[in-house]
PDB file of N, CA and C in Angstrom:
ATOM      1  N   UNK A   1       0.847  -1.192   0.000  1.00  0.00           N
ATOM      2  CA  UNK A   1       0.000   0.000   0.000  1.00  0.00           C
ATOM      3  C   UNK A   1       0.885   1.246   0.000  1.00  0.00           C
ATOM      4  N   UNK A   2       0.561   2.201  -0.837  1.00  0.00           N
ATOM      5  CA  UNK A   2       1.408   3.396  -0.916  1.00  0.00           C
ATOM      6  C   UNK A   2       1.058   4.375   0.202  1.00  0.00           C
ATOM      7  N   UNK A   3       2.055   5.130   0.576  1.00  0.00           N
ATOM      8  CA  UNK A   3       1.855   6.145   1.611  1.00  0.00           C
ATOM      9  C   UNK A   3       1.004   7.273   1.058  1.00  0.00           C
ATOM     10  N   UNK A   4       0.171   7.819   1.924  1.00  0.00           N
ATOM     11  CA  UNK A   4      -0.613   8.991   1.517  1.00  0.00           C
ATOM     12  C   UNK A   4       0.355  10.140   1.273  1.00  0.00           C
ATOM     13  N   UNK A   5       0.079  10.971   0.277  1.00  0.00           N
ATOM     14  CA  UNK A   5       0.969  12.106   0.035  1.00  0.00           C
ATOM     15  C   UNK A   5       0.950  13.080   1.207  1.00  0.00           C
ATOM     16  N   UNK A   6       2.081  13.681   1.466  1.00  0.00           N
ATOM     17  CA  UNK A   6       2.156  14.675   2.543  1.00  0.00           C
ATOM     18  C   UNK A   6       1.454  15.944   2.096  1.00  0.00           C
ATOM     19  N   UNK A   7       1.161  16.812   3.058  1.00  0.00           N
ATOM     20  CA  UNK A   7       0.542  18.096   2.732  1.00  0.00           C
ATOM     21  C   UNK A   7       1.441  18.874   1.772  1.00  0.00           C
ATOM     22  N   UNK A   8       2.744  18.815   2.005  1.00  0.00           N
ATOM     23  CA  UNK A   8       3.680  19.520   1.137  1.00  0.00           C
ATOM     24  C   UNK A   8       3.535  19.023  -0.307  1.00  0.00           C
ATOM     25  N   UNK A   9       3.441  17.696  -0.474  1.00  0.00           N
ATOM     26  CA  UNK A   9       3.287  17.115  -1.820  1.00  0.00           C
ATOM     27  C   UNK A   9       1.956  17.537  -2.442  1.00  0.00           C
ATOM     28  N   UNK A  10       0.896  17.502  -1.634  1.00  0.00           N
ATOM     29  CA  UNK A  10      -0.428  17.887  -2.133  1.00  0.00           C
ATOM     30  C   UNK A  10      -0.410  19.339  -2.601  1.00  0.00           C
ATOM     31  N   UNK A  11       0.164  20.228  -1.799  1.00  0.00           N
ATOM     32  CA  UNK A  11       0.193  21.645  -2.155  1.00  0.00           C
ATOM     33  C   UNK A  11       1.039  21.881  -3.406  1.00  0.00           C
ATOM     34  N   UNK A  12       2.157  21.148  -3.529  1.00  0.00           N
ATOM     35  CA  UNK A  12       3.026  21.315  -4.699  1.00  0.00           C
ATOM     36  C   UNK A  12       2.371  20.776  -5.978  1.00  0.00           C
ATOM     37  N   UNK A  13       1.384  19.911  -5.828  1.00  0.00           N
ATOM     38  CA  UNK A  13       0.680  19.361  -6.999  1.00  0.00           C
ATOM     39  C   UNK A  13      -0.384  20.308  -7.530  1.00  0.00           C
ATOM     40  N   UNK A  14      -0.783  21.288  -6.731  1.00  0.00           N
ATOM     41  CA  UNK A  14      -1.873  22.180  -7.152  1.00  0.00           C
ATOM     42  C   UNK A  14      -1.637  22.853  -8.513  1.00  0.00           C
ATOM     43  N   UNK A  15      -0.448  23.426  -8.763  1.00  0.00           N
ATOM     44  CA  UNK A  15      -0.260  24.060 -10.079  1.00  0.00           C
ATOM     45  C   UNK A  15      -0.473  23.093 -11.245  1.00  0.00           C
ATOM     46  N   UNK A  16      -0.109  21.842 -11.054  1.00  0.00           N
ATOM     47  CA  UNK A  16      -0.286  20.841 -12.110  1.00  0.00           C
ATOM     48  C   UNK A  16      -1.740  20.433 -12.301  1.00  0.00           C
ATOM     49  N   UNK A  17      -2.544  20.582 -11.257  1.00  0.00           N
ATOM     50  CA  UNK A  17      -3.958  20.209 -11.321  1.00  0.00           C
ATOM     51  C   UNK A  17      -4.838  21.398 -11.716  1.00  0.00           C
ATOM     52  N   UNK A  18      -4.197  22.562 -11.826  1.00  0.00           N
ATOM     53  CA  UNK A  18      -4.899  23.822 -12.111  1.00  0.00           C
ATOM     54  C   UNK A  18      -5.448  23.835 -13.536  1.00  0.00           C
ATOM     55  N   UNK A  19      -6.676  24.314 -13.702  1.00  0.00           N
ATOM     56  CA  UNK A  19      -7.292  24.421 -15.027  1.00  0.00           C
ATOM     57  C   UNK A  19      -7.510  25.902 -15.358  1.00  0.00           C
ATOM     58  N   UNK A  20      -6.610  26.498 -16.176  1.00  0.00           N
ATOM     59  CA  UNK A  20      -6.706  27.935 -16.468  1.00  0.00           C
ATOM     60  C   UNK A  20      -8.036  28.334 -17.102  1.00  0.00           C
ATOM     61  N   UNK A  21      -8.637  27.434 -17.890  1.00  0.00           N
ATOM     62  CA  UNK A  21      -9.907  27.754 -18.548  1.00  0.00           C
ATOM     63  C   UNK A  21     -11.006  28.002 -17.517  1.00  0.00           C
ATOM     64  N   UNK A  22     -10.984  27.262 -16.433  1.00  0.00           N
ATOM     65  CA  UNK A  22     -12.006  27.416 -15.387  1.00  0.00           C
ATOM     66  C   UNK A  22     -11.720  28.605 -14.482  1.00  0.00           C
ATOM     67  N   UNK A  23     -10.512  29.131 -14.561  1.00  0.00           N
ATOM     68  CA  UNK A  23     -10.106  30.211 -13.657  1.00  0.00           C
ATOM     69  C   UNK A  23     -10.062  31.565 -14.352  1.00  0.00           C
ATOM     70  N   UNK A  24     -10.697  31.672 -15.504  1.00  0.00           N
ATOM     71  CA  UNK A  24     -10.654  32.929 -16.269  1.00  0.00           C
ATOM     72  C   UNK A  24     -11.119  34.111 -15.424  1.00  0.00           C
ATOM     73  N   UNK A  25     -10.318  35.161 -15.461  1.00  0.00           N
ATOM     74  CA  UNK A  25     -10.678  36.382 -14.745  1.00  0.00           C
ATOM     75  C   UNK A  25     -10.494  36.320 -13.242  1.00  0.00           C
ATOM     76  N   UNK A  26      -9.986  35.214 -12.761  1.00  0.00           N
ATOM     77  CA  UNK A  26      -9.826  35.071 -11.315  1.00  0.00           C
ATOM     78  C   UNK A  26      -8.443  35.533 -10.877  1.00  0.00           C
ATOM     79  N   UNK A  27      -8.428  36.376  -9.861  1.00  0.00           N
ATOM     80  CA  UNK A  27      -7.168  36.834  -9.283  1.00  0.00           C
ATOM     81  C   UNK A  27      -7.354  36.762  -7.777  1.00  0.00           C
ATOM     82  N   UNK A  28      -6.607  35.892  -7.131  1.00  0.00           N
ATOM     83  CA  UNK A  28      -6.815  35.706  -5.698  1.00  0.00           C
ATOM     84  C   UNK A  28      -5.612  35.062  -5.025  1.00  0.00           C
ATOM     85  N   UNK A  29      -5.448  35.404  -3.763  1.00  0.00           N
ATOM     86  CA  UNK A  29      -4.512  34.699  -2.893  1.00  0.00           C
ATOM     87  C   UNK A  29      -5.349  33.953  -1.868  1.00  0.00           C
ATOM     88  N   UNK A  30      -5.123  32.657  -1.773  1.00  0.00           N
ATOM     89  CA  UNK A  30      -5.821  31.851  -0.779  1.00  0.00           C
ATOM     90  C   UNK A  30      -4.792  31.310   0.196  1.00  0.00           C
ATOM     91  N   UNK A  31      -5.011  31.608   1.461  1.00  0.00           N
ATOM     92  CA  UNK A  31      -4.110  31.171   2.529  1.00  0.00           C
ATOM     93  C   UNK A  31      -4.573  29.821   3.056  1.00  0.00           C
ATOM     94  N   UNK A  32      -3.645  28.896   3.217  1.00  0.00           N
ATOM     95  CA  UNK A  32      -3.945  27.620   3.868  1.00  0.00           C
ATOM     96  C   UNK A  32      -3.141  27.553   5.156  1.00  0.00           C
ATOM     97  N   UNK A  33      -3.815  27.201   6.244  1.00  0.00           N
ATOM     98  CA  UNK A  33      -3.168  27.145   7.563  1.00  0.00           C
ATOM     99  C   UNK A  33      -3.356  25.749   8.144  1.00  0.00           C
ATOM    100  N   UNK A  34      -2.257  24.994   8.189  1.00  0.00           N
ATOM    101  CA  UNK A  34      -2.288  23.629   8.720  1.00  0.00           C
ATOM    102  C   UNK A  34      -1.557  23.538  10.062  1.00  0.00           C
ATOM    103  N   UNK A  35      -1.424  24.658  10.760  1.00  0.00           N
ATOM    104  CA  UNK A  35      -0.601  24.676  11.970  1.00  0.00           C
ATOM    105  C   UNK A  35      -1.265  23.980  13.165  1.00  0.00           C
ATOM    106  N   UNK A  36      -2.558  23.677  13.074  1.00  0.00           N
ATOM    107  CA  UNK A  36      -3.251  23.063  14.214  1.00  0.00           C
ATOM    108  C   UNK A  36      -2.683  21.692  14.580  1.00  0.00           C
ATOM    109  N   UNK A  37      -2.113  20.983  13.595  1.00  0.00           N
ATOM    110  CA  UNK A  37      -1.480  19.700  13.932  1.00  0.00           C
ATOM    111  C   UNK A  37      -0.025  19.653  13.443  1.00  0.00           C
ATOM    112  N   UNK A  38       0.631  20.799  13.608  1.00  0.00           N
ATOM    113  CA  UNK A  38       2.074  20.838  13.354  1.00  0.00           C
ATOM    114  C   UNK A  38       2.483  21.086  11.917  1.00  0.00           C
ATOM    115  N   UNK A  39       1.534  21.463  11.081  1.00  0.00           N
ATOM    116  CA  UNK A  39       1.858  21.727   9.681  1.00  0.00           C
ATOM    117  C   UNK A  39       2.286  23.166   9.445  1.00  0.00           C
ATOM    118  N   UNK A  40       2.431  23.496   8.184  1.00  0.00           N
ATOM    119  CA  UNK A  40       2.895  24.833   7.791  1.00  0.00           C
ATOM    120  C   UNK A  40       1.740  25.657   7.249  1.00  0.00           C
ATOM    121  N   UNK A  41       2.087  26.866   6.812  1.00  0.00           N
ATOM    122  CA  UNK A  41       1.140  27.736   6.119  1.00  0.00           C
ATOM    123  C   UNK A  41       1.587  27.846   4.665  1.00  0.00           C
ATOM    124  N   UNK A  42       0.612  27.891   3.780  1.00  0.00           N
ATOM    125  CA  UNK A  42       0.893  28.009   2.343  1.00  0.00           C
ATOM    126  C   UNK A  42      -0.001  29.079   1.740  1.00  0.00           C
ATOM    127  N   UNK A  43       0.475  29.694   0.667  1.00  0.00           N
ATOM    128  CA  UNK A  43      -0.331  30.634  -0.101  1.00  0.00           C
ATOM    129  C   UNK A  43      -0.476  30.073  -1.513  1.00  0.00           C
ATOM    130  N   UNK A  44      -1.724  30.021  -1.982  1.00  0.00           N
ATOM    131  CA  UNK A  44      -1.985  29.658  -3.372  1.00  0.00           C
ATOM    132  C   UNK A  44      -2.352  30.955  -4.082  1.00  0.00           C
ATOM    133  N   UNK A  45      -1.527  31.335  -5.042  1.00  0.00           N
ATOM    134  CA  UNK A  45      -1.683  32.605  -5.757  1.00  0.00           C
ATOM    135  C   UNK A  45      -2.200  32.310  -7.170  1.00  0.00           C
ATOM    136  N   UNK A  46      -3.370  32.873  -7.471  1.00  0.00           N
ATOM    137  CA  UNK A  46      -3.961  32.662  -8.792  1.00  0.00           C
ATOM    138  C   UNK A  46      -4.113  34.013  -9.482  1.00  0.00           C
ATOM    139  N   UNK A  47      -3.557  34.123 -10.673  1.00  0.00           N
ATOM    140  CA  UNK A  47      -3.668  35.366 -11.450  1.00  0.00           C
ATOM    141  C   UNK A  47      -3.280  35.087 -12.895  1.00  0.00           C
ATOM    142  N   UNK A  48      -3.957  35.759 -13.825  1.00  0.00           N
ATOM    143  CA  UNK A  48      -3.658  35.656 -15.255  1.00  0.00           C
ATOM    144  C   UNK A  48      -3.543  34.205 -15.739  1.00  0.00           C
ATOM    145  N   UNK A  49      -4.465  33.373 -15.274  1.00  0.00           N
ATOM    146  CA  UNK A  49      -4.476  31.981 -15.720  1.00  0.00           C
ATOM    147  C   UNK A  49      -3.307  31.156 -15.228  1.00  0.00           C
ATOM    148  N   UNK A  50      -2.673  31.610 -14.155  1.00  0.00           N
ATOM    149  CA  UNK A  50      -1.527  30.894 -13.592  1.00  0.00           C
ATOM    150  C   UNK A  50      -1.797  30.581 -12.122  1.00  0.00           C
ATOM    151  N   UNK A  51      -1.161  29.536 -11.646  1.00  0.00           N
ATOM    152  CA  UNK A  51      -1.287  29.164 -10.241  1.00  0.00           C
ATOM    153  C   UNK A  51       0.104  28.913  -9.683  1.00  0.00           C
ATOM    154  N   UNK A  52       0.396  29.528  -8.552  1.00  0.00           N
ATOM    155  CA  UNK A  52       1.681  29.302  -7.885  1.00  0.00           C
ATOM    156  C   UNK A  52       1.413  29.023  -6.410  1.00  0.00           C
ATOM    157  N   UNK A  53       2.232  28.170  -5.839  1.00  0.00           N
ATOM    158  CA  UNK A  53       2.098  27.827  -4.423  1.00  0.00           C
ATOM    159  C   UNK A  53       3.408  28.145  -3.731  1.00  0.00           C
ATOM    160  N   UNK A  54       3.311  28.792  -2.582  1.00  0.00           N
ATOM    161  CA  UNK A  54       4.532  29.030  -1.815  1.00  0.00           C
ATOM    162  C   UNK A  54       4.224  28.868  -0.334  1.00  0.00           C
ATOM    163  N   UNK A  55       5.264  28.519   0.394  1.00  0.00           N
ATOM    164  CA  UNK A  55       5.133  28.403   1.839  1.00  0.00           C
ATOM    165  C   UNK A  55       5.106  29.812   2.414  1.00  0.00           C
ATOM    166  N   UNK A  56       4.329  30.004   3.471  1.00  0.00           N
ATOM    167  CA  UNK A  56       4.327  31.302   4.122  1.00  0.00           C
ATOM    168  C   UNK A  56       2.936  31.896   4.232  1.00  0.00           C
ATOM    169  N   UNK A  57       2.908  33.217   4.410  1.00  0.00           N
ATOM    170  CA  UNK A  57       1.637  33.905   4.617  1.00  0.00           C
ATOM    171  C   UNK A  57       1.427  35.009   3.591  1.00  0.00           C
ATOM    172  N   UNK A  58       0.163  35.205   3.211  1.00  0.00           N
ATOM    173  CA  UNK A  58      -0.204  36.295   2.309  1.00  0.00           C
ATOM    174  C   UNK A  58      -0.571  37.500   3.161  1.00  0.00           C
ATOM    175  N   UNK A  59      -0.259  38.690   2.664  1.00  0.00           N
ATOM    176  CA  UNK A  59      -0.572  39.913   3.405  1.00  0.00           C
ATOM    177  C   UNK A  59      -2.080  40.106   3.541  1.00  0.00           C
ATOM    178  N   UNK A  60      -2.791  39.998   2.429  1.00  0.00           N
ATOM    179  CA  UNK A  60      -4.245  40.191   2.436  1.00  0.00           C
ATOM    180  C   UNK A  60      -4.945  39.120   1.607  1.00  0.00           C
ATOM    181  N   UNK A  61      -5.009  37.887   2.124  1.00  0.00           N
ATOM    182  CA  UNK A  61      -5.643  36.834   1.329  1.00  0.00           C
ATOM    183  C   UNK A  61      -7.145  37.079   1.165  1.00  0.00           C
ATOM    184  N   UNK A  62      -7.674  36.710  -0.003  1.00  0.00           N
ATOM    185  CA  UNK A  62      -9.118  36.816  -0.230  1.00  0.00           C
ATOM    186  C   UNK A  62      -9.863  35.821   0.649  1.00  0.00           C
ATOM    187  N   UNK A  63      -9.210  34.694   0.920  1.00  0.00           N
ATOM    188  CA  UNK A  63      -9.820  33.667   1.764  1.00  0.00           C
ATOM    189  C   UNK A  63      -8.727  32.902   2.489  1.00  0.00           C
ATOM    190  N   UNK A  64      -9.070  32.387   3.652  1.00  0.00           N
ATOM    191  CA  UNK A  64      -8.142  31.568   4.436  1.00  0.00           C
ATOM    192  C   UNK A  64      -8.839  30.261   4.807  1.00  0.00           C
ATOM    193  N   UNK A  65      -8.143  29.166   4.568  1.00  0.00           N
ATOM    194  CA  UNK A  65      -8.644  27.842   4.935  1.00  0.00           C
ATOM    195  C   UNK A  65      -7.827  27.389   6.141  1.00  0.00           C
ATOM    196  N   UNK A  66      -8.521  27.089   7.231  1.00  0.00           N
ATOM    197  CA  UNK A  66      -7.853  26.627   8.445  1.00  0.00           C
ATOM    198  C   UNK A  66      -8.328  25.202   8.711  1.00  0.00           C
ATOM    199  N   UNK A  67      -7.403  24.272   8.646  1.00  0.00           N
ATOM    200  CA  UNK A  67      -7.765  22.873   8.844  1.00  0.00           C
ATOM    201  C   UNK A  67      -6.522  22.085   9.248  1.00  0.00           C
ATOM    202  N   UNK A  68      -6.728  20.850   9.656  1.00  0.00           N
ATOM    203  CA  UNK A  68      -5.580  20.011  10.009  1.00  0.00           C
ATOM    204  C   UNK A  68      -5.026  19.358   8.748  1.00  0.00           C
ATOM    205  N   UNK A  69      -3.796  18.921   8.848  1.00  0.00           N
ATOM    206  CA  UNK A  69      -3.186  18.223   7.708  1.00  0.00           C
ATOM    207  C   UNK A  69      -3.986  16.959   7.397  1.00  0.00           C
ATOM    208  N   UNK A  70      -4.394  16.243   8.447  1.00  0.00           N
ATOM    209  CA  UNK A  70      -5.138  14.984   8.272  1.00  0.00           C
ATOM    210  C   UNK A  70      -6.450  15.217   7.526  1.00  0.00           C
ATOM    211  N   UNK A  71      -7.162  16.288   7.883  1.00  0.00           N
ATOM    212  CA  UNK A  71      -8.436  16.596   7.217  1.00  0.00           C
ATOM    213  C   UNK A  71      -8.209  16.925   5.755  1.00  0.00           C
ATOM    214  N   UNK A  72      -7.203  17.752   5.469  1.00  0.00           N
ATOM    215  CA  UNK A  72      -6.977  18.149   4.078  1.00  0.00           C
ATOM    216  C   UNK A  72      -6.481  16.977   3.232  1.00  0.00           C
ATOM    217  N   UNK A  73      -5.721  16.089   3.842  1.00  0.00           N
ATOM    218  CA  UNK A  73      -5.281  14.894   3.117  1.00  0.00           C
ATOM    219  C   UNK A  73      -6.502  14.063   2.724  1.00  0.00           C
ATOM    220  N   UNK A  74      -7.450  13.932   3.656  1.00  0.00           N
ATOM    221  CA  UNK A  74      -8.661  13.160   3.385  1.00  0.00           C
ATOM    222  C   UNK A  74      -9.486  13.811   2.275  1.00  0.00           C
ATOM    223  N   UNK A  75      -9.551  15.148   2.287  1.00  0.00           N
ATOM    224  CA  UNK A  75     -10.278  15.886   1.242  1.00  0.00           C
ATOM    225  C   UNK A  75      -9.587  15.695  -0.109  1.00  0.00           C
ATOM    226  N   UNK A  76      -8.265  15.864  -0.125  1.00  0.00           N
ATOM    227  CA  UNK A  76      -7.494  15.760  -1.371  1.00  0.00           C
ATOM    228  C   UNK A  76      -7.608  14.362  -1.983  1.00  0.00           C
ATOM    229  N   UNK A  77      -7.717  13.354  -1.132  1.00  0.00           N
ATOM    230  CA  UNK A  77      -7.802  11.971  -1.614  1.00  0.00           C
ATOM    231  C   UNK A  77      -9.235  11.555  -1.912  1.00  0.00           C
ATOM    232  N   UNK A  78     -10.196  12.450  -1.639  1.00  0.00           N
ATOM    233  CA  UNK A  78     -11.582  12.120  -1.927  1.00  0.00           C
ATOM    234  C   UNK A  78     -12.255  11.280  -0.854  1.00  0.00           C
ATOM    235  N   UNK A  79     -11.603  11.111   0.288  1.00  0.00           N
ATOM    236  CA  UNK A  79     -12.197  10.339   1.385  1.00  0.00           C
ATOM    237  C   UNK A  79     -13.159  11.189   2.208  1.00  0.00           C
ATOM    238  N   UNK A  80     -13.024  12.503   2.090  1.00  0.00           N
ATOM    239  CA  UNK A  80     -13.865  13.418   2.855  1.00  0.00           C
ATOM    240  C   UNK A  80     -14.323  14.553   1.945  1.00  0.00           C
ATOM    241  N   UNK A  81     -15.602  14.838   1.970  1.00  0.00           N
ATOM    242  CA  UNK A  81     -16.182  15.910   1.172  1.00  0.00           C
ATOM    243  C   UNK A  81     -15.879  17.245   1.854  1.00  0.00           C
ATOM    244  N   UNK A  82     -15.513  18.256   1.061  1.00  0.00           N
ATOM    245  CA  UNK A  82     -15.204  19.577   1.617  1.00  0.00           C
ATOM    246  C   UNK A  82     -16.382  20.130   2.403  1.00  0.00           C
ATOM    247  N   UNK A  83     -17.587  20.002   1.844  1.00  0.00           N
ATOM    248  CA  UNK A  83     -18.785  20.532   2.518  1.00  0.00           C
ATOM    249  C   UNK A  83     -18.985  19.858   3.873  1.00  0.00           C
ATOM    250  N   UNK A  84     -18.760  18.548   3.923  1.00  0.00           N
ATOM    251  CA  UNK A  84     -18.897  17.800   5.174  1.00  0.00           C
ATOM    252  C   UNK A  84     -17.859  18.288   6.185  1.00  0.00           C
ATOM    253  N   UNK A  85     -16.626  18.454   5.725  1.00  0.00           N
ATOM    254  CA  UNK A  85     -15.543  18.931   6.599  1.00  0.00           C
ATOM    255  C   UNK A  85     -15.898  20.309   7.164  1.00  0.00           C
ATOM    256  N   UNK A  86     -16.472  21.158   6.311  1.00  0.00           N
ATOM    257  CA  UNK A  86     -16.863  22.508   6.704  1.00  0.00           C
ATOM    258  C   UNK A  86     -18.009  22.459   7.724  1.00  0.00           C
ATOM    259  N   UNK A  87     -19.040  21.658   7.421  1.00  0.00           N
ATOM    260  CA  UNK A  87     -20.219  21.560   8.291  1.00  0.00           C
ATOM    261  C   UNK A  87     -19.878  20.990   9.670  1.00  0.00           C
ATOM    262  N   UNK A  88     -18.918  20.071   9.708  1.00  0.00           N
ATOM    263  CA  UNK A  88     -18.559  19.441  10.980  1.00  0.00           C
ATOM    264  C   UNK A  88     -17.472  20.214  11.724  1.00  0.00           C
ATOM    265  N   UNK A  89     -17.064  21.360  11.146  1.00  0.00           N
ATOM    266  CA  UNK A  89     -16.085  22.199  11.823  1.00  0.00           C
ATOM    267  C   UNK A  89     -14.644  21.740  11.697  1.00  0.00           C
ATOM    268  N   UNK A  90     -14.407  20.728  10.870  1.00  0.00           N
ATOM    269  CA  UNK A  90     -13.029  20.243  10.681  1.00  0.00           C
ATOM    270  C   UNK A  90     -12.239  21.169   9.771  1.00  0.00           C
ATOM    271  N   UNK A  91     -12.977  21.955   8.985  1.00  0.00           N
ATOM    272  CA  UNK A  91     -12.346  22.884   8.061  1.00  0.00           C
ATOM    273  C   UNK A  91     -13.047  24.233   8.236  1.00  0.00           C
ATOM    274  N   UNK A  92     -12.270  25.242   8.570  1.00  0.00           N
ATOM    275  CA  UNK A  92     -12.847  26.572   8.788  1.00  0.00           C
ATOM    276  C   UNK A  92     -12.405  27.501   7.663  1.00  0.00           C
ATOM    277  N   UNK A  93     -13.273  28.433   7.339  1.00  0.00           N
ATOM    278  CA  UNK A  93     -12.983  29.373   6.270  1.00  0.00           C
ATOM    279  C   UNK A  93     -13.174  30.795   6.776  1.00  0.00           C
ATOM    280  N   UNK A  94     -12.198  31.641   6.498  1.00  0.00           N
ATOM    281  CA  UNK A  94     -12.332  33.077   6.765  1.00  0.00           C
ATOM    282  C   UNK A  94     -12.303  33.771   5.421  1.00  0.00           C
ATOM    283  N   UNK A  95     -13.139  34.798   5.271  1.00  0.00           N
ATOM    284  CA  UNK A  95     -13.104  35.542   4.014  1.00  0.00           C
ATOM    285  C   UNK A  95     -14.140  35.057   3.028  1.00  0.00           C
ATOM    286  N   UNK A  96     -13.763  35.013   1.761  1.00  0.00           N
ATOM    287  CA  UNK A  96     -14.671  34.787   0.656  1.00  0.00           C
ATOM    288  C   UNK A  96     -15.006  33.303   0.451  1.00  0.00           C
ATOM    289  N   UNK A  97     -16.144  32.892   0.994  1.00  0.00           N
ATOM    290  CA  UNK A  97     -16.563  31.492   0.900  1.00  0.00           C
ATOM    291  C   UNK A  97     -16.885  31.110  -0.552  1.00  0.00           C
ATOM    292  N   UNK A  98     -17.499  32.026  -1.296  1.00  0.00           N
ATOM    293  CA  UNK A  98     -17.831  31.748  -2.707  1.00  0.00           C
ATOM    294  C   UNK A  98     -16.577  31.488  -3.532  1.00  0.00           C
ATOM    295  N   UNK A  99     -15.524  32.235  -3.228  1.00  0.00           N
ATOM    296  CA  UNK A  99     -14.253  32.023  -3.922  1.00  0.00           C
ATOM    297  C   UNK A  99     -13.763  30.599  -3.681  1.00  0.00           C
ATOM    298  N   UNK A 100     -13.901  30.133  -2.442  1.00  0.00           N
ATOM    299  CA  UNK A 100     -13.423  28.783  -2.136  1.00  0.00           C
ATOM    300  C   UNK A 100     -14.254  27.713  -2.822  1.00  0.00           C
ATOM    301  N   UNK A 101     -15.546  27.964  -2.987  1.00  0.00           N
ATOM    302  CA  UNK A 101     -16.384  27.015  -3.719  1.00  0.00           C
ATOM    303  C   UNK A 101     -15.874  26.935  -5.161  1.00  0.00           C
ATOM    304  N   UNK A 102     -15.531  28.076  -5.722  1.00  0.00           N
ATOM    305  CA  UNK A 102     -15.004  28.106  -7.092  1.00  0.00           C
ATOM    306  C   UNK A 102     -13.601  27.486  -7.129  1.00  0.00           C
ATOM    307  N   UNK A 103     -12.829  27.747  -6.099  1.00  0.00           N
ATOM    308  CA  UNK A 103     -11.465  27.230  -5.982  1.00  0.00           C
ATOM    309  C   UNK A 103     -11.458  25.715  -6.202  1.00  0.00           C
ATOM    310  N   UNK A 104     -12.425  25.054  -5.572  1.00  0.00           N
ATOM    311  CA  UNK A 104     -12.534  23.609  -5.697  1.00  0.00           C
ATOM    312  C   UNK A 104     -12.714  23.179  -7.147  1.00  0.00           C
ATOM    313  N   UNK A 105     -13.444  23.985  -7.911  1.00  0.00           N
ATOM    314  CA  UNK A 105     -13.778  23.604  -9.286  1.00  0.00           C
ATOM    315  C   UNK A 105     -12.676  23.915 -10.290  1.00  0.00           C
ATOM    316  N   UNK A 106     -11.698  24.729  -9.913  1.00  0.00           N
ATOM    317  CA  UNK A 106     -10.665  25.081 -10.905  1.00  0.00           C
ATOM    318  C   UNK A 106      -9.452  24.163 -10.855  1.00  0.00           C
ATOM    319  N   UNK A 107      -9.559  23.130 -10.007  1.00  0.00           N
ATOM    320  CA  UNK A 107      -8.486  22.129  -9.953  1.00  0.00           C
ATOM    321  C   UNK A 107      -9.043  20.770 -10.297  1.00  0.00           C
ATOM    322  N   UNK A 108      -8.308  20.035 -11.117  1.00  0.00           N
ATOM    323  CA  UNK A 108      -8.655  18.649 -11.393  1.00  0.00           C
ATOM    324  C   UNK A 108      -8.296  17.860 -10.151  1.00  0.00           C
ATOM    325  N   UNK A 109      -8.725  16.635 -10.105  1.00  0.00           N
ATOM    326  CA  UNK A 109      -8.375  15.784  -8.942  1.00  0.00           C
ATOM    327  C   UNK A 109      -6.869  15.670  -8.798  1.00  0.00           C
ATOM    328  N   UNK A 110      -6.428  15.747  -7.596  1.00  0.00           N
ATOM    329  CA  UNK A 110      -4.976  15.686  -7.324  1.00  0.00           C
ATOM    330  C   UNK A 110      -4.483  14.252  -7.449  1.00  0.00           C
TER     331      UNK A 110
END
């Protein structure tokens, strides 16, 4: 059985899973915070049909996702639905919730 990808691997795969056609006109910084269980913070920067991921914090992110590494791994692998994670409080969102709903749709499965 293969090991589940680490959060770092999942985040680094985002640019490859990005679909520029679905992201037309979108310009946003989305902050991910996995520090609740010892993880890092990442910024996903989307602009001009491009996606870049970097470790660290954005000055003024349009949205922030706060969740554990374990929860996000389950979401990325399709074992947990984002809406379910949100409803059960395992995944918290600050800022633009609509942007995050769209965010989900502009990436192919990881």
